[in-house]
């Protein structure tokens, strides 16, 4: 059976005295920097009207939302009883443990607060953030692979990888599957769609829908979290948490298309209005 041994990758990028800087942390920084640059570009392209200071405030709020939401989401969804026994471990983020779905809730809440502060529609800000979000997904999943964590299920496929700590059998490199689908593919799609301003909520809806589809699909190749195992038969926590994303994304896309239909119908009624009025006048004059 052909397979690959896990490459000799060091999760620590470099050290400064006693401080060890990890690739995972650098991925977060790079993701937010890239998303901030894209936010500035979309702000000008879509003529949203944010100032440079507001852009910086928005990125900082996103950082707080992702970190706080991601950590609390992990504690609630994946932590099990450990954090009930040792609640101070909630703050031990250096030991790992972040939830994408919790981070999503956190960043959306932060965006809602900033939208009210700036006087900008929330969905418009969310659309701008949605375009850059897959950059973070891509870098985060790549560093999951570098860390040798969140590996996939056992496989006989020739690209299976034997991960340290996961036993002697080759496994799906599910981190790379997610990096490709949720990161690269999703980013290309959203960046292409962002070339013109669309109805508020369209970009966020596309992100939520496609991420939900990709995540649910890849989870069938990913090993479930050991402390949880499978939930509701063959399904994992990641799949169950992705279903509301899929539904919300579909609703947002339906909402934007419904707005187009209503606008189209209103336009058709307005264009028909003068003809109806003229016919009514003509009949009235004839009767008179």
Foldseek 3Di string as FASTA:
>chain_A
DAEAEQDPFDQFPDADVPRTHGLLVVLLVVLLVQLLVLLVVLCVQAVQPDDPVLSVVLSVQLSVLQVVQFLVCQCVQPVPCPCVVVVVCSPVCVVPTTHPLRSVVRSLVSLVVSCVVVVGDSLVSVLSSLLSVLSSLLSNLVSCSSVLPQWWDFDPDNHFYDGPPPDDGGAHSLSNLRSVQLHVVLNVVSVVVSSHDADRLLNQLSNLQSNLVSQQVSVLGTAADPVFGADPPNHHSSNVSSVVSNVVSVVSNVVRVVVVVVVVVVVVCVVCVVVVVVVVVVVVVVVD
